[in-house]
PDB file of N, CA and C in Angstrom:
ATOM      1  N   MET A   1     -68.747-114.169  73.296  1.00  0.00           N
ATOM      2  CA  MET A   1     -67.911-114.205  73.870  1.00  0.00           C
ATOM      3  C   MET A   1     -67.080-114.198  73.027  1.00  0.00           C
ATOM      4  N   ARG A   2     -65.734-113.309  72.747  1.00  0.00           N
ATOM      5  CA  ARG A   2     -64.883-113.506  71.307  1.00  0.00           C
ATOM      6  C   ARG A   2     -63.712-113.484  71.610  1.00  0.00           C
ATOM      7  N   VAL A   3     -63.216-114.320  71.443  1.00  0.00           N
ATOM      8  CA  VAL A   3     -61.776-114.236  71.710  1.00  0.00           C
ATOM      9  C   VAL A   3     -60.597-113.900  70.945  1.00  0.00           C
ATOM     10  N   VAL A   4     -59.577-113.639  71.262  1.00  0.00           N
ATOM     11  CA  VAL A   4     -58.448-112.928  69.539  1.00  0.00           C
ATOM     12  C   VAL A   4     -57.060-113.036  70.052  1.00  0.00           C
ATOM     13  N   ALA A   5     -56.292-114.509  69.545  1.00  0.00           N
ATOM     14  CA  ALA A   5     -54.792-114.705  70.012  1.00  0.00           C
ATOM     15  C   ALA A   5     -54.110-113.630  68.845  1.00  0.00           C
ATOM     16  N   THR A   6     -52.804-113.339  69.508  1.00  0.00           N
ATOM     17  CA  THR A   6     -52.053-113.305  67.676  1.00  0.00           C
ATOM     18  C   THR A   6     -50.673-113.710  68.316  1.00  0.00           C
ATOM     19  N   THR A   7     -50.156-114.297  67.503  1.00  0.00           N
ATOM     20  CA  THR A   7     -48.949-114.903  67.806  1.00  0.00           C
ATOM     21  C   THR A   7     -48.041-114.968  66.771  1.00  0.00           C
ATOM     22  N   GLY A   8     -46.722-114.580  66.285  1.00  0.00           N
ATOM     23  CA  GLY A   8     -46.029-114.458  65.165  1.00  0.00           C
ATOM     24  C   GLY A   8     -46.652-114.207  64.611  1.00  0.00           C
ATOM     25  N   GLY A   9     -46.637-115.657  63.134  1.00  0.00           N
ATOM     26  CA  GLY A   9     -46.906-115.446  61.602  1.00  0.00           C
ATOM     27  C   GLY A   9     -48.879-116.412  61.797  1.00  0.00           C
ATOM     28  N   ALA A  10     -49.000-116.668  62.797  1.00  0.00           N
ATOM     29  CA  ALA A  10     -50.404-117.607  63.174  1.00  0.00           C
ATOM     30  C   ALA A  10     -51.705-116.574  62.259  1.00  0.00           C
ATOM     31  N   ALA A  11     -52.106-116.962  61.712  1.00  0.00           N
ATOM     32  CA  ALA A  11     -53.245-116.348  61.550  1.00  0.00           C
ATOM     33  C   ALA A  11     -54.559-117.224  60.738  1.00  0.00           C
ATOM     34  N   GLY A  12     -55.898-116.750  61.423  1.00  0.00           N
ATOM     35  CA  GLY A  12     -56.791-117.445  60.776  1.00  0.00           C
ATOM     36  C   GLY A  12     -57.259-118.674  61.671  1.00  0.00           C
ATOM     37  N   GLU A  13     -56.589-118.692  63.194  1.00  0.00           N
ATOM     38  CA  GLU A  13     -56.831-120.060  64.348  1.00  0.00           C
ATOM     39  C   GLU A  13     -58.450-119.727  64.651  1.00  0.00           C
ATOM     40  N   VAL A  14     -59.193-120.797  64.626  1.00  0.00           N
ATOM     41  CA  VAL A  14     -60.425-120.981  65.698  1.00  0.00           C
ATOM     42  C   VAL A  14     -59.957-121.753  66.622  1.00  0.00           C
ATOM     43  N   GLY A  15     -60.839-121.140  67.692  1.00  0.00           N
ATOM     44  CA  GLY A  15     -60.178-121.937  68.932  1.00  0.00           C
ATOM     45  C   GLY A  15     -61.692-122.519  69.399  1.00  0.00           C
ATOM     46  N   GLU A  16     -62.127-122.753  70.400  1.00  0.00           N
ATOM     47  CA  GLU A  16     -63.321-123.016  71.511  1.00  0.00           C
ATOM     48  C   GLU A  16     -62.662-122.833  73.037  1.00  0.00           C
ATOM     49  N   VAL A  17     -64.125-121.860  73.555  1.00  0.00           N
ATOM     50  CA  VAL A  17     -63.301-121.642  74.658  1.00  0.00           C
ATOM     51  C   VAL A  17     -64.690-122.204  75.872  1.00  0.00           C
ATOM     52  N   ASP A  18     -64.629-123.155  76.625  1.00  0.00           N
ATOM     53  CA  ASP A  18     -65.644-123.415  77.919  1.00  0.00           C
ATOM     54  C   ASP A  18     -65.294-122.777  78.845  1.00  0.00           C
ATOM     55  N   LEU A  19     -66.655-121.465  79.071  1.00  0.00           N
ATOM     56  CA  LEU A  19     -66.930-120.759  80.852  1.00  0.00           C
ATOM     57  C   LEU A  19     -67.543-121.691  81.633  1.00  0.00           C
ATOM     58  N   LEU A  20     -66.821-122.559  82.498  1.00  0.00           N
ATOM     59  CA  LEU A  20     -67.271-123.166  83.410  1.00  0.00           C
ATOM     60  C   LEU A  20     -67.511-122.473  85.345  1.00  0.00           C
ATOM     61  N   PRO A  21     -68.706-122.425  85.835  1.00  0.00           N
ATOM     62  CA  PRO A  21     -68.763-121.786  87.487  1.00  0.00           C
ATOM     63  C   PRO A  21     -67.520-122.917  87.787  1.00  0.00           C
ATOM     64  N   GLY A  22     -66.984-121.684  88.470  1.00  0.00           N
ATOM     65  CA  GLY A  22     -66.325-122.051  89.400  1.00  0.00           C
ATOM     66  C   GLY A  22     -66.741-123.024  91.361  1.00  0.00           C
ATOM     67  N   PRO A  23     -65.795-123.257  91.847  1.00  0.00           N
ATOM     68  CA  PRO A  23     -66.714-124.327  92.950  1.00  0.00           C
ATOM     69  C   PRO A  23     -67.547-124.035  93.596  1.00  0.00           C
ATOM     70  N   ALA A  24     -68.137-125.011  94.094  1.00  0.00           N
ATOM     71  CA  ALA A  24     -69.249-124.284  94.965  1.00  0.00           C
ATOM     72  C   ALA A  24     -69.361-123.443  95.892  1.00  0.00           C
ATOM     73  N   ARG A  25     -69.689-122.241  96.535  1.00  0.00           N
ATOM     74  CA  ARG A  25     -69.581-120.976  97.900  1.00  0.00           C
ATOM     75  C   ARG A  25     -70.833-120.335  98.780  1.00  0.00           C
ATOM     76  N   GLN A  26     -71.819-121.140  97.902  1.00  0.00           N
ATOM     77  CA  GLN A  26     -72.952-120.210  98.827  1.00  0.00           C
ATOM     78  C   GLN A  26     -74.097-121.405  97.896  1.00  0.00           C
ATOM     79  N   LEU A  27     -75.385-121.552  98.806  1.00  0.00           N
ATOM     80  CA  LEU A  27     -76.576-122.577  98.764  1.00  0.00           C
ATOM     81  C   LEU A  27     -77.400-121.848  99.877  1.00  0.00           C
ATOM     82  N   ARG A  28     -78.580-121.916  99.467  1.00  0.00           N
ATOM     83  CA  ARG A  28     -79.588-121.506 100.688  1.00  0.00           C
ATOM     84  C   ARG A  28     -80.493-122.769 100.870  1.00  0.00           C
ATOM     85  N   PRO A  29     -80.545-122.350 102.742  1.00  0.00           N
ATOM     86  CA  PRO A  29     -82.188-123.185 102.605  1.00  0.00           C
ATOM     87  C   PRO A  29     -82.750-123.725 102.270  1.00  0.00           C
ATOM     88  N   ALA A  30     -83.762-124.334 101.580  1.00  0.00           N
ATOM     89  CA  ALA A  30     -84.884-124.849 101.692  1.00  0.00           C
ATOM     90  C   ALA A  30     -85.962-124.584 102.861  1.00  0.00           C
ATOM     91  N   PRO A  31     -86.603-123.408 102.542  1.00  0.00           N
ATOM     92  CA  PRO A  31     -87.635-123.404 104.093  1.00  0.00           C
ATOM     93  C   PRO A  31     -88.951-124.335 104.048  1.00  0.00           C
ATOM     94  N   GLU A  32     -89.037-125.110 103.287  1.00  0.00           N
ATOM     95  CA  GLU A  32     -90.461-126.059 103.311  1.00  0.00           C
ATOM     96  C   GLU A  32     -89.444-127.515 103.210  1.00  0.00           C
ATOM     97  N   ARG A  33     -88.268-127.571 103.599  1.00  0.00           N
ATOM     98  CA  ARG A  33     -87.902-128.680 104.163  1.00  0.00           C
ATOM     99  C   ARG A  33     -86.436-128.838 104.962  1.00  0.00           C
ATOM    100  N   PRO A  34     -86.743-130.011 105.869  1.00  0.00           N
ATOM    101  CA  PRO A  34     -85.005-129.281 106.966  1.00  0.00           C
ATOM    102  C   PRO A  34     -84.479-130.276 106.062  1.00  0.00           C
ATOM    103  N   GLY A  35     -82.670-129.669 105.740  1.00  0.00           N
ATOM    104  CA  GLY A  35     -81.654-130.876 104.951  1.00  0.00           C
ATOM    105  C   GLY A  35     -81.636-130.276 103.529  1.00  0.00           C
ATOM    106  N   LEU A  36     -82.667-129.814 102.780  1.00  0.00           N
ATOM    107  CA  LEU A  36     -82.814-129.469 101.597  1.00  0.00           C
ATOM    108  C   LEU A  36     -82.076-127.949 101.060  1.00  0.00           C
ATOM    109  N   TYR A  37     -81.310-127.472 100.507  1.00  0.00           N
ATOM    110  CA  TYR A  37     -80.421-126.951  99.962  1.00  0.00           C
ATOM    111  C   TYR A  37     -80.602-126.456  98.286  1.00  0.00           C
ATOM    112  N   ARG A  38     -81.053-125.395  98.424  1.00  0.00           N
ATOM    113  CA  ARG A  38     -81.229-125.367  96.613  1.00  0.00           C
ATOM    114  C   ARG A  38     -80.126-124.087  95.954  1.00  0.00           C
ATOM    115  N   ASP A  39     -80.309-124.007  95.370  1.00  0.00           N
ATOM    116  CA  ASP A  39     -79.213-122.495  94.493  1.00  0.00           C
ATOM    117  C   ASP A  39     -78.254-122.938  94.812  1.00  0.00           C
ATOM    118  N   VAL A  40     -77.518-123.804  94.443  1.00  0.00           N
ATOM    119  CA  VAL A  40     -75.687-123.644  94.742  1.00  0.00           C
ATOM    120  C   VAL A  40     -74.821-123.383  93.667  1.00  0.00           C
ATOM    121  N   ARG A  41     -74.573-122.503  94.161  1.00  0.00           N
ATOM    122  CA  ARG A  41     -73.523-121.363  93.423  1.00  0.00           C
ATOM    123  C   ARG A  41     -71.916-120.906  94.117  1.00  0.00           C
ATOM    124  N   ASP A  42     -71.826-120.882  92.888  1.00  0.00           N
ATOM    125  CA  ASP A  42     -70.469-120.705  92.827  1.00  0.00           C
ATOM    126  C   ASP A  42     -69.808-119.039  93.357  1.00  0.00           C
ATOM    127  N   ALA A  43     -68.589-118.470  93.781  1.00  0.00           N
ATOM    128  CA  ALA A  43     -68.442-117.173  94.724  1.00  0.00           C
ATOM    129  C   ALA A  43     -69.080-115.853  93.452  1.00  0.00           C
ATOM    130  N   LEU A  44     -69.533-116.287  92.523  1.00  0.00           N
ATOM    131  CA  LEU A  44     -70.053-115.508  91.630  1.00  0.00           C
ATOM    132  C   LEU A  44     -71.521-115.421  91.268  1.00  0.00           C
ATOM    133  N   GLY A  45     -72.260-116.178  91.982  1.00  0.00           N
ATOM    134  CA  GLY A  45     -73.333-116.430  92.233  1.00  0.00           C
ATOM    135  C   GLY A  45     -73.820-117.409  90.125  1.00  0.00           C
ATOM    136  N   ASN A  46     -73.051-118.033  90.409  1.00  0.00           N
ATOM    137  CA  ASN A  46     -73.486-118.928  89.061  1.00  0.00           C
ATOM    138  C   ASN A  46     -73.460-120.420  89.349  1.00  0.00           C
ATOM    139  N   PRO A  47     -74.806-121.174  88.678  1.00  0.00           N
ATOM    140  CA  PRO A  47     -74.826-122.041  89.251  1.00  0.00           C
ATOM    141  C   PRO A  47     -74.068-123.448  89.032  1.00  0.00           C
ATOM    142  N   VAL A  48     -73.677-124.015  89.907  1.00  0.00           N
ATOM    143  CA  VAL A  48     -72.180-125.274  89.980  1.00  0.00           C
ATOM    144  C   VAL A  48     -72.965-126.257  88.843  1.00  0.00           C
ATOM    145  N   THR A  49     -71.937-127.147  88.270  1.00  0.00           N
ATOM    146  CA  THR A  49     -71.872-127.892  87.010  1.00  0.00           C
ATOM    147  C   THR A  49     -72.681-129.663  88.109  1.00  0.00           C
ATOM    148  N   PRO A  50     -73.254-130.290  87.035  1.00  0.00           N
ATOM    149  CA  PRO A  50     -74.292-130.948  87.676  1.00  0.00           C
ATOM    150  C   PRO A  50     -72.969-132.068  88.566  1.00  0.00           C
ATOM    151  N   ASP A  51     -72.153-131.853  87.897  1.00  0.00           N
ATOM    152  CA  ASP A  51     -70.425-133.349  88.963  1.00  0.00           C
ATOM    153  C   ASP A  51     -70.150-132.493  89.679  1.00  0.00           C
ATOM    154  N   GLU A  52     -70.086-131.632  90.114  1.00  0.00           N
ATOM    155  CA  GLU A  52     -69.624-131.685  91.536  1.00  0.00           C
ATOM    156  C   GLU A  52     -69.704-132.082  92.974  1.00  0.00           C
ATOM    157  N   ALA A  53     -68.930-132.659  93.713  1.00  0.00           N
ATOM    158  CA  ALA A  53     -68.857-133.165  94.798  1.00  0.00           C
ATOM    159  C   ALA A  53     -69.106-131.950  96.230  1.00  0.00           C
ATOM    160  N   LEU A  54     -70.001-131.910  96.450  1.00  0.00           N
ATOM    161  CA  LEU A  54     -69.722-130.958  97.392  1.00  0.00           C
ATOM    162  C   LEU A  54     -69.495-131.145  99.541  1.00  0.00           C
ATOM    163  N   THR A  55     -68.467-130.667  99.893  1.00  0.00           N
ATOM    164  CA  THR A  55     -69.166-131.393 101.377  1.00  0.00           C
ATOM    165  C   THR A  55     -69.883-130.342 102.059  1.00  0.00           C
ATOM    166  N   LEU A  56     -71.374-130.079 103.238  1.00  0.00           N
ATOM    167  CA  LEU A  56     -71.123-129.159 104.145  1.00  0.00           C
ATOM    168  C   LEU A  56     -71.046-129.203 105.382  1.00  0.00           C
ATOM    169  N   THR A  57     -70.340-128.021 105.218  1.00  0.00           N
ATOM    170  CA  THR A  57     -69.511-128.327 107.294  1.00  0.00           C
ATOM    171  C   THR A  57     -69.794-127.177 108.292  1.00  0.00           C
ATOM    172  N   GLY A  58     -70.117-127.648 109.150  1.00  0.00           N
ATOM    173  CA  GLY A  58     -70.836-127.196 110.551  1.00  0.00           C
ATOM    174  C   GLY A  58     -70.143-127.748 111.985  1.00  0.00           C
ATOM    175  N   VAL A  59     -70.063-126.830 112.771  1.00  0.00           N
ATOM    176  CA  VAL A  59     -69.326-127.083 113.637  1.00  0.00           C
ATOM    177  C   VAL A  59     -70.712-126.711 114.742  1.00  0.00           C
ATOM    178  N   ASP A  60     -70.402-127.932 115.614  1.00  0.00           N
ATOM    179  CA  ASP A  60     -71.346-128.123 116.484  1.00  0.00           C
ATOM    180  C   ASP A  60     -70.081-128.661 118.332  1.00  0.00           C
ATOM    181  N   ARG A  61     -70.614-127.602 118.777  1.00  0.00           N
ATOM    182  CA  ARG A  61     -69.313-127.541 120.328  1.00  0.00           C
ATOM    183  C   ARG A  61     -68.181-127.765 119.826  1.00  0.00           C
ATOM    184  N   GLY A  62     -67.631-126.746 119.224  1.00  0.00           N
ATOM    185  CA  GLY A  62     -66.317-127.293 118.848  1.00  0.00           C
ATOM    186  C   GLY A  62     -65.787-128.355 117.966  1.00  0.00           C
ATOM    187  N   TRP A  63     -66.615-129.698 117.324  1.00  0.00           N
ATOM    188  CA  TRP A  63     -66.196-130.326 116.444  1.00  0.00           C
ATOM    189  C   TRP A  63     -66.666-129.902 114.845  1.00  0.00           C
ATOM    190  N   ASN A  64     -66.257-129.980 113.891  1.00  0.00           N
ATOM    191  CA  ASN A  64     -66.604-129.848 112.808  1.00  0.00           C
ATOM    192  C   ASN A  64     -67.443-130.995 111.963  1.00  0.00           C
ATOM    193  N   VAL A  65     -68.483-131.209 111.703  1.00  0.00           N
ATOM    194  CA  VAL A  65     -69.403-131.891 111.432  1.00  0.00           C
ATOM    195  C   VAL A  65     -68.974-131.407 109.823  1.00  0.00           C
ATOM    196  N   ASP A  66     -68.687-132.623 109.001  1.00  0.00           N
ATOM    197  CA  ASP A  66     -68.730-133.137 107.597  1.00  0.00           C
ATOM    198  C   ASP A  66     -69.206-133.608 106.790  1.00  0.00           C
ATOM    199  N   VAL A  67     -70.509-132.658 105.700  1.00  0.00           N
ATOM    200  CA  VAL A  67     -71.261-134.240 105.913  1.00  0.00           C
ATOM    201  C   VAL A  67     -71.334-134.299 103.783  1.00  0.00           C
ATOM    202  N   PRO A  68     -70.892-134.963 102.932  1.00  0.00           N
ATOM    203  CA  PRO A  68     -70.597-135.076 101.409  1.00  0.00           C
ATOM    204  C   PRO A  68     -72.569-134.473 100.948  1.00  0.00           C
ATOM    205  N   LEU A  69     -71.986-133.532  99.881  1.00  0.00           N
ATOM    206  CA  LEU A  69     -73.533-133.513  99.179  1.00  0.00           C
ATOM    207  C   LEU A  69     -73.123-133.342  97.851  1.00  0.00           C
ATOM    208  N   THR A  70     -74.116-134.265  96.964  1.00  0.00           N
ATOM    209  CA  THR A  70     -74.045-134.137  95.897  1.00  0.00           C
ATOM    210  C   THR A  70     -75.780-133.342  94.966  1.00  0.00           C
ATOM    211  N   PRO A  71     -75.337-132.407  94.514  1.00  0.00           N
ATOM    212  CA  PRO A  71     -75.973-131.539  93.865  1.00  0.00           C
ATOM    213  C   PRO A  71     -76.514-132.131  92.456  1.00  0.00           C
ATOM    214  N   VAL A  72     -78.370-131.842  92.067  1.00  0.00           N
ATOM    215  CA  VAL A  72     -78.973-132.523  91.281  1.00  0.00           C
ATOM    216  C   VAL A  72     -80.196-131.309  91.278  1.00  0.00           C
ATOM    217  N   GLU A  73     -79.913-131.164  89.439  1.00  0.00           N
ATOM    218  CA  GLU A  73     -80.553-129.832  89.155  1.00  0.00           C
ATOM    219  C   GLU A  73     -80.935-128.728  90.380  1.00  0.00           C
ATOM    220  N   GLY A  74     -78.764-127.846  90.902  1.00  0.00           N
ATOM    221  CA  GLY A  74     -79.348-126.974  91.662  1.00  0.00           C
ATOM    222  C   GLY A  74     -79.735-126.745  93.016  1.00  0.00           C
ATOM    223  N   ARG A  75     -80.193-128.323  93.346  1.00  0.00           N
ATOM    224  CA  ARG A  75     -80.335-128.534  94.933  1.00  0.00           C
ATOM    225  C   ARG A  75     -79.373-129.782  95.554  1.00  0.00           C
ATOM    226  N   ALA A  76     -79.783-129.651  96.609  1.00  0.00           N
ATOM    227  CA  ALA A  76     -78.781-131.228  97.066  1.00  0.00           C
ATOM    228  C   ALA A  76     -79.759-131.146  98.469  1.00  0.00           C
ATOM    229  N   LEU A  77     -79.426-132.677  98.973  1.00  0.00           N
ATOM    230  CA  LEU A  77     -80.672-133.048 100.308  1.00  0.00           C
ATOM    231  C   LEU A  77     -78.941-133.615 101.146  1.00  0.00           C
ATOM    232  N   SER A  78     -79.314-132.638 102.132  1.00  0.00           N
ATOM    233  CA  SER A  78     -78.654-133.517 103.405  1.00  0.00           C
ATOM    234  C   SER A  78     -79.371-134.413 103.979  1.00  0.00           C
ATOM    235  N   PRO A  79     -78.398-136.041 104.243  1.00  0.00           N
ATOM    236  CA  PRO A  79     -78.917-136.649 105.372  1.00  0.00           C
ATOM    237  C   PRO A  79     -79.280-136.770 106.274  1.00  0.00           C
ATOM    238  N   VAL A  80     -77.994-135.715 107.180  1.00  0.00           N
ATOM    239  CA  VAL A  80     -78.294-134.947 108.804  1.00  0.00           C
ATOM    240  C   VAL A  80     -78.831-133.735 108.799  1.00  0.00           C
ATOM    241  N   ASP A  81     -79.102-132.939 109.737  1.00  0.00           N
ATOM    242  CA  ASP A  81     -79.327-131.940 109.740  1.00  0.00           C
ATOM    243  C   ASP A  81     -77.803-131.706 110.236  1.00  0.00           C
ATOM    244  N   VAL A  82     -76.766-130.356 110.075  1.00  0.00           N
ATOM    245  CA  VAL A  82     -76.116-130.122 110.167  1.00  0.00           C
ATOM    246  C   VAL A  82     -76.062-128.501 110.505  1.00  0.00           C
ATOM    247  N   PRO A  83     -74.764-128.790 111.635  1.00  0.00           N
ATOM    248  CA  PRO A  83     -75.511-127.876 113.611  1.00  0.00           C
ATOM    249  C   PRO A  83     -74.913-126.465 112.267  1.00  0.00           C
ATOM    250  N   GLY A  84     -75.028-125.159 113.332  1.00  0.00           N
ATOM    251  CA  GLY A  84     -74.419-124.432 112.975  1.00  0.00           C
ATOM    252  C   GLY A  84     -75.054-123.209 112.228  1.00  0.00           C
ATOM    253  N   ARG A  85     -74.039-122.092 111.515  1.00  0.00           N
ATOM    254  CA  ARG A  85     -74.394-122.067 110.175  1.00  0.00           C
ATOM    255  C   ARG A  85     -73.391-122.419 108.690  1.00  0.00           C
ATOM    256  N   PRO A  86     -74.066-123.575 108.303  1.00  0.00           N
ATOM    257  CA  PRO A  86     -73.242-124.365 107.255  1.00  0.00           C
ATOM    258  C   PRO A  86     -72.370-123.567 106.341  1.00  0.00           C
ATOM    259  N   ARG A  87     -71.235-124.110 106.133  1.00  0.00           N
ATOM    260  CA  ARG A  87     -70.335-123.447 105.268  1.00  0.00           C
ATOM    261  C   ARG A  87     -70.348-124.647 104.467  1.00  0.00           C
ATOM    262  N   VAL A  88     -70.382-124.379 102.807  1.00  0.00           N
ATOM    263  CA  VAL A  88     -70.508-124.942 101.698  1.00  0.00           C
ATOM    264  C   VAL A  88     -68.866-124.977 100.955  1.00  0.00           C
ATOM    265  N   ARG A  89     -68.320-126.363 100.624  1.00  0.00           N
ATOM    266  CA  ARG A  89     -67.033-126.349  99.422  1.00  0.00           C
ATOM    267  C   ARG A  89     -67.317-127.111  98.443  1.00  0.00           C
ATOM    268  N   GLY A  90     -66.971-126.925  97.778  1.00  0.00           N
ATOM    269  CA  GLY A  90     -67.011-128.291  96.245  1.00  0.00           C
ATOM    270  C   GLY A  90     -65.532-128.152  95.481  1.00  0.00           C
ATOM    271  N   GLU A  91     -66.099-129.278  95.092  1.00  0.00           N
ATOM    272  CA  GLU A  91     -64.786-130.231  94.464  1.00  0.00           C
ATOM    273  C   GLU A  91     -65.117-130.952  93.215  1.00  0.00           C
ATOM    274  N   ALA A  92     -64.534-130.013  91.940  1.00  0.00           N
ATOM    275  CA  ALA A  92     -65.067-130.789  90.761  1.00  0.00           C
ATOM    276  C   ALA A  92     -64.748-132.603  90.119  1.00  0.00           C
ATOM    277  N   LEU A  93     -65.232-132.963  89.862  1.00  0.00           N
ATOM    278  CA  LEU A  93     -64.864-134.532  90.171  1.00  0.00           C
ATOM    279  C   LEU A  93     -64.325-134.240  88.909  1.00  0.00           C
ATOM    280  N   PRO A  94     -63.397-135.163  88.559  1.00  0.00           N
ATOM    281  CA  PRO A  94     -62.724-135.359  87.078  1.00  0.00           C
ATOM    282  C   PRO A  94     -63.563-136.148  86.328  1.00  0.00           C
TER     283      PRO A  94
END
């Protein structure tokens, strides 16, 4: 990617741009093991960064069930079975 910015009399300045994925919004259950999720990605399909905290939310008889997850190399393992069709929500850690 090339980014060019022009301002006043500044010329020849060089800057760095880090492109990072957004918060996790999608994951797929792994059929080979219950509670294992793979392909943890942001809303645009980019793999999430390894320092992102995730919460998997399911609904059981009207109650929300929130399970914290930590992805490692694009996979996350839930310690419990999350009911219903779980939704993932991510937040980058400082």
